[in-house]
Amino acid sequence: MQMKLKNVKISFPAIYQHAEYQGESRGQYEAQFLIAEDDPQLAELKKAIASIAKEEFGDAWVKAKLPLSDGNEKTYDGYAGHWALKATNKNRFAIIDRDRTPLVEADDKPRAGDVVNALVSIYAFSNKYGSFLKAQLMAIQFVEEGERFGSGGASFNVEDVFENISGSSDDAPF
């Protein structure tokens, strides 16, 4: 079942290169999409996931591993007050700008914290490890720059931290 998510925040985007874990490629592209708790899309998404899971697994669906998690249970920037949908794809997919022109990695967008539209496909499967629902990442459209997540670092003015030492001839190491 395909679902279009509108105006959601993107987090942990590995959308131009395969995601890595401990320096090893995971062999897939991935991102998480943050949906506000009060966004009507969240209720639709939860209903779709439950419907697919019940159809595939019956009453045992409550034990299935789901691609949707409560952001309030995470310690990541921007997750509080949201739910996170993890979506993946082993194959390249469309990443477009507001005007629908293709984006490439050098465009430097979307980045973590940006607002995007996303097309995902929810599906269920079982294997020897259990029952799962997954979200396949089909396409992303950049909407607007958002507040950056993660390793943005502290904001400061270097002129307030360092003095001008251009005329200094003191080469002593201590």
C-alpha atoms as a PDB file:
ATOM      1  CA  MET A   1       0.000   0.000   0.000  1.00  0.00           C
ATOM      2  CA  GLN A   2       1.489   3.328  -1.073  1.00  0.00           C
ATOM      3  CA  MET A   3       1.167   6.391   1.103  1.00  0.00           C
ATOM      4  CA  LYS A   4       2.277   9.976   0.501  1.00  0.00           C
ATOM      5  CA  LEU A   5       3.527  11.826   3.562  1.00  0.00           C
ATOM      6  CA  LYS A   6       3.338  15.619   3.292  1.00  0.00           C
ATOM      7  CA  ASN A   7       5.466  18.176   5.124  1.00  0.00           C
ATOM      8  CA  VAL A   8       7.333  15.775   7.394  1.00  0.00           C
ATOM      9  CA  LYS A   9      10.869  16.201   8.746  1.00  0.00           C
ATOM     10  CA  ILE A  10      13.616  13.946   7.454  1.00  0.00           C
ATOM     11  CA  SER A  11      16.109  12.425   9.873  1.00  0.00           C
ATOM     12  CA  PHE A  12      19.155  10.202   9.393  1.00  0.00           C
ATOM     13  CA  PRO A  13      19.015  10.607   5.603  1.00  0.00           C
ATOM     14  CA  ALA A  14      21.250   8.152   3.753  1.00  0.00           C
ATOM     15  CA  ILE A  15      19.566   8.915   0.444  1.00  0.00           C
ATOM     16  CA  TYR A  16      22.438   9.555  -1.977  1.00  0.00           C
ATOM     17  CA  GLN A  17      24.801   6.855  -0.681  1.00  0.00           C
ATOM     18  CA  HIS A  18      24.017   3.551   1.008  1.00  0.00           C
ATOM     19  CA  ALA A  19      23.636   3.805   4.771  1.00  0.00           C
ATOM     20  CA  GLU A  20      26.563   2.610   6.859  1.00  0.00           C
ATOM     21  CA  TYR A  21      26.790   0.999  10.247  1.00  0.00           C
ATOM     22  CA  GLN A  22      30.160   0.840  12.008  1.00  0.00           C
ATOM     23  CA  GLY A  23      31.912   1.632   8.729  1.00  0.00           C
ATOM     24  CA  GLU A  24      30.173  -1.118   6.753  1.00  0.00           C
ATOM     25  CA  SER A  25      27.602  -0.501   4.022  1.00  0.00           C
ATOM     26  CA  ARG A  26      24.096  -1.681   4.841  1.00  0.00           C
ATOM     27  CA  GLY A  27      23.426  -2.118   1.118  1.00  0.00           C
ATOM     28  CA  GLN A  28      20.418   0.176   1.164  1.00  0.00           C
ATOM     29  CA  TYR A  29      19.301   3.782   1.167  1.00  0.00           C
ATOM     30  CA  GLU A  30      17.275   4.880   4.161  1.00  0.00           C
ATOM     31  CA  ALA A  31      15.720   7.749   6.078  1.00  0.00           C
ATOM     32  CA  GLN A  32      13.370   8.366   8.937  1.00  0.00           C
ATOM     33  CA  PHE A  33      10.386  10.655   8.559  1.00  0.00           C
ATOM     34  CA  LEU A  34       9.118  12.496  11.626  1.00  0.00           C
ATOM     35  CA  ILE A  35       5.374  13.011  11.813  1.00  0.00           C
ATOM     36  CA  ALA A  36       3.969  15.264  14.534  1.00  0.00           C
ATOM     37  CA  GLU A  37       1.728  13.541  17.096  1.00  0.00           C
ATOM     38  CA  ASP A  38      -1.178  15.841  16.178  1.00  0.00           C
ATOM     39  CA  ASP A  39      -0.761  15.447  12.388  1.00  0.00           C
ATOM     40  CA  PRO A  40      -3.821  13.675  10.871  1.00  0.00           C
ATOM     41  CA  GLN A  41      -1.422  11.750   8.599  1.00  0.00           C
ATOM     42  CA  LEU A  42      -0.176   9.863  11.650  1.00  0.00           C
ATOM     43  CA  ALA A  43      -3.620   8.410  12.385  1.00  0.00           C
ATOM     44  CA  GLU A  44      -3.931   7.381   8.710  1.00  0.00           C
ATOM     45  CA  LEU A  45      -0.494   5.760   8.760  1.00  0.00           C
ATOM     46  CA  LYS A  46      -1.194   3.854  11.990  1.00  0.00           C
ATOM     47  CA  LYS A  47      -4.521   2.650  10.573  1.00  0.00           C
ATOM     48  CA  ALA A  48      -2.854   1.478   7.332  1.00  0.00           C
ATOM     49  CA  ILE A  49      -0.093  -0.349   9.215  1.00  0.00           C
ATOM     50  CA  ALA A  50      -2.604  -2.080  11.523  1.00  0.00           C
ATOM     51  CA  SER A  51      -4.802  -3.061   8.560  1.00  0.00           C
ATOM     52  CA  ILE A  52      -1.908  -4.565   6.579  1.00  0.00           C
ATOM     53  CA  ALA A  53      -0.576  -6.346   9.664  1.00  0.00           C
ATOM     54  CA  LYS A  54      -3.962  -7.802  10.631  1.00  0.00           C
ATOM     55  CA  GLU A  55      -4.552  -8.985   7.068  1.00  0.00           C
ATOM     56  CA  GLU A  56      -1.143 -10.669   6.897  1.00  0.00           C
ATOM     57  CA  PHE A  57      -0.702 -11.980  10.450  1.00  0.00           C
ATOM     58  CA  GLY A  58      -4.187 -12.060  12.007  1.00  0.00           C
ATOM     59  CA  ASP A  59      -4.311 -11.549  15.759  1.00  0.00           C
ATOM     60  CA  ALA A  60      -0.576 -12.217  16.029  1.00  0.00           C
ATOM     61  CA  TRP A  61       0.090  -8.868  14.299  1.00  0.00           C
ATOM     62  CA  VAL A  62       0.726  -7.200  17.674  1.00  0.00           C
ATOM     63  CA  LYS A  63       3.997  -9.148  17.887  1.00  0.00           C
ATOM     64  CA  ALA A  64       5.190  -7.963  14.468  1.00  0.00           C
ATOM     65  CA  LYS A  65       8.165  -5.601  14.196  1.00  0.00           C
ATOM     66  CA  LEU A  66       6.848  -2.278  12.892  1.00  0.00           C
ATOM     67  CA  PRO A  67       8.617   0.526  10.969  1.00  0.00           C
ATOM     68  CA  LEU A  68       6.907   3.181  13.121  1.00  0.00           C
ATOM     69  CA  SER A  69       8.194   4.196  16.555  1.00  0.00           C
ATOM     70  CA  ASP A  70       7.298   6.761  19.207  1.00  0.00           C
ATOM     71  CA  GLY A  71       9.808   9.618  19.058  1.00  0.00           C
ATOM     72  CA  ASN A  72       9.199  10.399  22.731  1.00  0.00           C
ATOM     73  CA  GLU A  73      11.041   7.162  23.516  1.00  0.00           C
ATOM     74  CA  LYS A  74      14.144   8.317  21.625  1.00  0.00           C
ATOM     75  CA  THR A  75      16.856  10.744  22.698  1.00  0.00           C
ATOM     76  CA  TYR A  76      17.508  12.191  19.238  1.00  0.00           C
ATOM     77  CA  ASP A  77      17.187  15.887  18.355  1.00  0.00           C
ATOM     78  CA  GLY A  78      13.713  16.786  17.087  1.00  0.00           C
ATOM     79  CA  TYR A  79      12.023  13.471  17.902  1.00  0.00           C
ATOM     80  CA  ALA A  80       9.990  14.583  20.951  1.00  0.00           C
ATOM     81  CA  GLY A  81       6.327  15.087  20.036  1.00  0.00           C
ATOM     82  CA  HIS A  82       6.705  13.036  16.833  1.00  0.00           C
ATOM     83  CA  TRP A  83       6.502   9.489  15.543  1.00  0.00           C
ATOM     84  CA  ALA A  84       9.310   8.194  13.304  1.00  0.00           C
ATOM     85  CA  LEU A  85       8.732   6.069  10.218  1.00  0.00           C
ATOM     86  CA  LYS A  86      11.869   4.309   8.981  1.00  0.00           C
ATOM     87  CA  ALA A  87      11.853   3.678   5.234  1.00  0.00           C
ATOM     88  CA  THR A  88      14.493   1.887   3.150  1.00  0.00           C
ATOM     89  CA  ASN A  89      15.207   0.861  -0.419  1.00  0.00           C
ATOM     90  CA  LYS A  90      18.053  -1.150  -1.939  1.00  0.00           C
ATOM     91  CA  ASN A  91      17.549   0.652  -5.250  1.00  0.00           C
ATOM     92  CA  ARG A  92      17.888   4.312  -6.211  1.00  0.00           C
ATOM     93  CA  PHE A  93      14.691   6.319  -6.088  1.00  0.00           C
ATOM     94  CA  ALA A  94      13.652   9.794  -7.201  1.00  0.00           C
ATOM     95  CA  ILE A  95      14.763  12.783  -5.110  1.00  0.00           C
ATOM     96  CA  ILE A  96      13.324  16.021  -6.457  1.00  0.00           C
ATOM     97  CA  ASP A  97      13.198  19.717  -5.607  1.00  0.00           C
ATOM     98  CA  ARG A  98      10.098  21.844  -5.105  1.00  0.00           C
ATOM     99  CA  ASP A  99       9.810  22.378  -8.878  1.00  0.00           C
ATOM    100  CA  ARG A 100      10.218  18.602  -9.489  1.00  0.00           C
ATOM    101  CA  THR A 101      13.734  18.918 -10.951  1.00  0.00           C
ATOM    102  CA  PRO A 102      16.032  16.060  -9.885  1.00  0.00           C
ATOM    103  CA  LEU A 103      18.351  16.668  -6.931  1.00  0.00           C
ATOM    104  CA  VAL A 104      21.855  15.235  -6.620  1.00  0.00           C
ATOM    105  CA  GLU A 105      24.148  14.930  -3.615  1.00  0.00           C
ATOM    106  CA  ALA A 106      26.052  18.121  -4.550  1.00  0.00           C
ATOM    107  CA  ASP A 107      22.815  20.105  -4.089  1.00  0.00           C
ATOM    108  CA  ASP A 108      23.217  19.413  -0.342  1.00  0.00           C
ATOM    109  CA  LYS A 109      19.519  18.928   0.266  1.00  0.00           C
ATOM    110  CA  PRO A 110      17.504  17.530   1.839  1.00  0.00           C
ATOM    111  CA  ARG A 111      19.469  17.318   5.087  1.00  0.00           C
ATOM    112  CA  ALA A 112      18.452  16.158   8.553  1.00  0.00           C
ATOM    113  CA  GLY A 113      15.765  18.482   9.873  1.00  0.00           C
ATOM    114  CA  ASP A 114      14.507  19.629   6.466  1.00  0.00           C
ATOM    115  CA  VAL A 115      10.827  19.387   5.548  1.00  0.00           C
ATOM    116  CA  VAL A 116      10.020  16.945   2.739  1.00  0.00           C
ATOM    117  CA  ASN A 117       7.208  15.062   1.064  1.00  0.00           C
ATOM    118  CA  ALA A 118       7.808  11.314   0.810  1.00  0.00           C
ATOM    119  CA  LEU A 119       6.198   8.430  -1.014  1.00  0.00           C
ATOM    120  CA  VAL A 120       6.446   5.122   0.850  1.00  0.00           C
ATOM    121  CA  SER A 121       5.006   1.662   0.309  1.00  0.00           C
ATOM    122  CA  ILE A 122       4.041  -0.349   3.396  1.00  0.00           C
ATOM    123  CA  TYR A 123       4.291  -4.147   3.146  1.00  0.00           C
ATOM    124  CA  ALA A 124       4.392  -7.202   5.413  1.00  0.00           C
ATOM    125  CA  PHE A 125       6.508 -10.355   5.390  1.00  0.00           C
ATOM    126  CA  SER A 126       7.645 -13.204   7.642  1.00  0.00           C
ATOM    127  CA  ASN A 127      10.825 -15.185   7.854  1.00  0.00           C
ATOM    128  CA  LYS A 128      12.634 -17.354  10.406  1.00  0.00           C
ATOM    129  CA  TYR A 129      13.345 -14.220  12.493  1.00  0.00           C
ATOM    130  CA  GLY A 130       9.696 -13.236  12.881  1.00  0.00           C
ATOM    131  CA  SER A 131       6.937 -11.105  11.379  1.00  0.00           C
ATOM    132  CA  PHE A 132       7.694  -7.671   9.990  1.00  0.00           C
ATOM    133  CA  LEU A 133       6.145  -4.617   8.438  1.00  0.00           C
ATOM    134  CA  LYS A 134       8.459  -2.419   6.407  1.00  0.00           C
ATOM    135  CA  ALA A 135       8.217   0.899   4.619  1.00  0.00           C
ATOM    136  CA  GLN A 136       9.872   1.013   1.208  1.00  0.00           C
ATOM    137  CA  LEU A 137      11.157   4.455   0.277  1.00  0.00           C
ATOM    138  CA  MET A 138       9.825   5.280  -3.207  1.00  0.00           C
ATOM    139  CA  ALA A 139      10.521   9.032  -3.666  1.00  0.00           C
ATOM    140  CA  ILE A 140      11.351  12.246  -1.795  1.00  0.00           C
ATOM    141  CA  GLN A 141      10.492  15.842  -2.635  1.00  0.00           C
ATOM    142  CA  PHE A 142      12.348  18.669  -0.864  1.00  0.00           C
ATOM    143  CA  VAL A 143       9.866  21.210   0.560  1.00  0.00           C
ATOM    144  CA  GLU A 144      11.927  23.629   2.652  1.00  0.00           C
ATOM    145  CA  GLU A 145      14.947  23.949   4.857  1.00  0.00           C
ATOM    146  CA  GLY A 146      14.238  23.129   8.479  1.00  0.00           C
ATOM    147  CA  GLU A 147      16.020  23.395  11.788  1.00  0.00           C
ATOM    148  CA  ARG A 148      19.105  21.177  11.558  1.00  0.00           C
ATOM    149  CA  PHE A 149      19.399  18.070  13.720  1.00  0.00           C
ATOM    150  CA  GLY A 150      22.434  16.454  15.203  1.00  0.00           C
ATOM    151  CA  SER A 151      26.044  17.438  14.838  1.00  0.00           C
ATOM    152  CA  GLY A 152      25.566  21.095  14.006  1.00  0.00           C
ATOM    153  CA  GLY A 153      27.940  22.007  16.834  1.00  0.00           C
ATOM    154  CA  ALA A 154      27.949  25.080  19.017  1.00  0.00           C
ATOM    155  CA  SER A 155      27.355  28.468  17.473  1.00  0.00           C
ATOM    156  CA  PHE A 156      30.058  31.059  18.210  1.00  0.00           C
ATOM    157  CA  ASN A 157      32.078  33.822  16.580  1.00  0.00           C
ATOM    158  CA  VAL A 158      35.745  32.820  16.109  1.00  0.00           C
ATOM    159  CA  GLU A 159      36.838  36.451  16.573  1.00  0.00           C
ATOM    160  CA  ASP A 160      35.443  36.298  20.108  1.00  0.00           C
ATOM    161  CA  VAL A 161      37.428  33.125  20.868  1.00  0.00           C
ATOM    162  CA  PHE A 162      40.840  33.711  19.256  1.00  0.00           C
ATOM    163  CA  GLU A 163      43.061  36.777  19.236  1.00  0.00           C
ATOM    164  CA  ASN A 164      44.972  38.032  16.205  1.00  0.00           C
ATOM    165  CA  ILE A 165      48.465  36.502  16.448  1.00  0.00           C
ATOM    166  CA  SER A 166      49.754  37.519  13.023  1.00  0.00           C
ATOM    167  CA  GLY A 167      52.589  39.639  14.488  1.00  0.00           C
ATOM    168  CA  SER A 168      53.633  37.081  17.122  1.00  0.00           C
ATOM    169  CA  SER A 169      57.123  35.617  16.863  1.00  0.00           C
ATOM    170  CA  ASP A 170      56.911  33.418  19.941  1.00  0.00           C
ATOM    171  CA  ASP A 171      57.515  29.919  18.569  1.00  0.00           C
ATOM    172  CA  ALA A 172      57.992  28.232  21.945  1.00  0.00           C
ATOM    173  CA  PRO A 173      55.960  25.001  22.200  1.00  0.00           C
ATOM    174  CA  PHE A 174      55.042  25.652  25.895  1.00  0.00           C
END
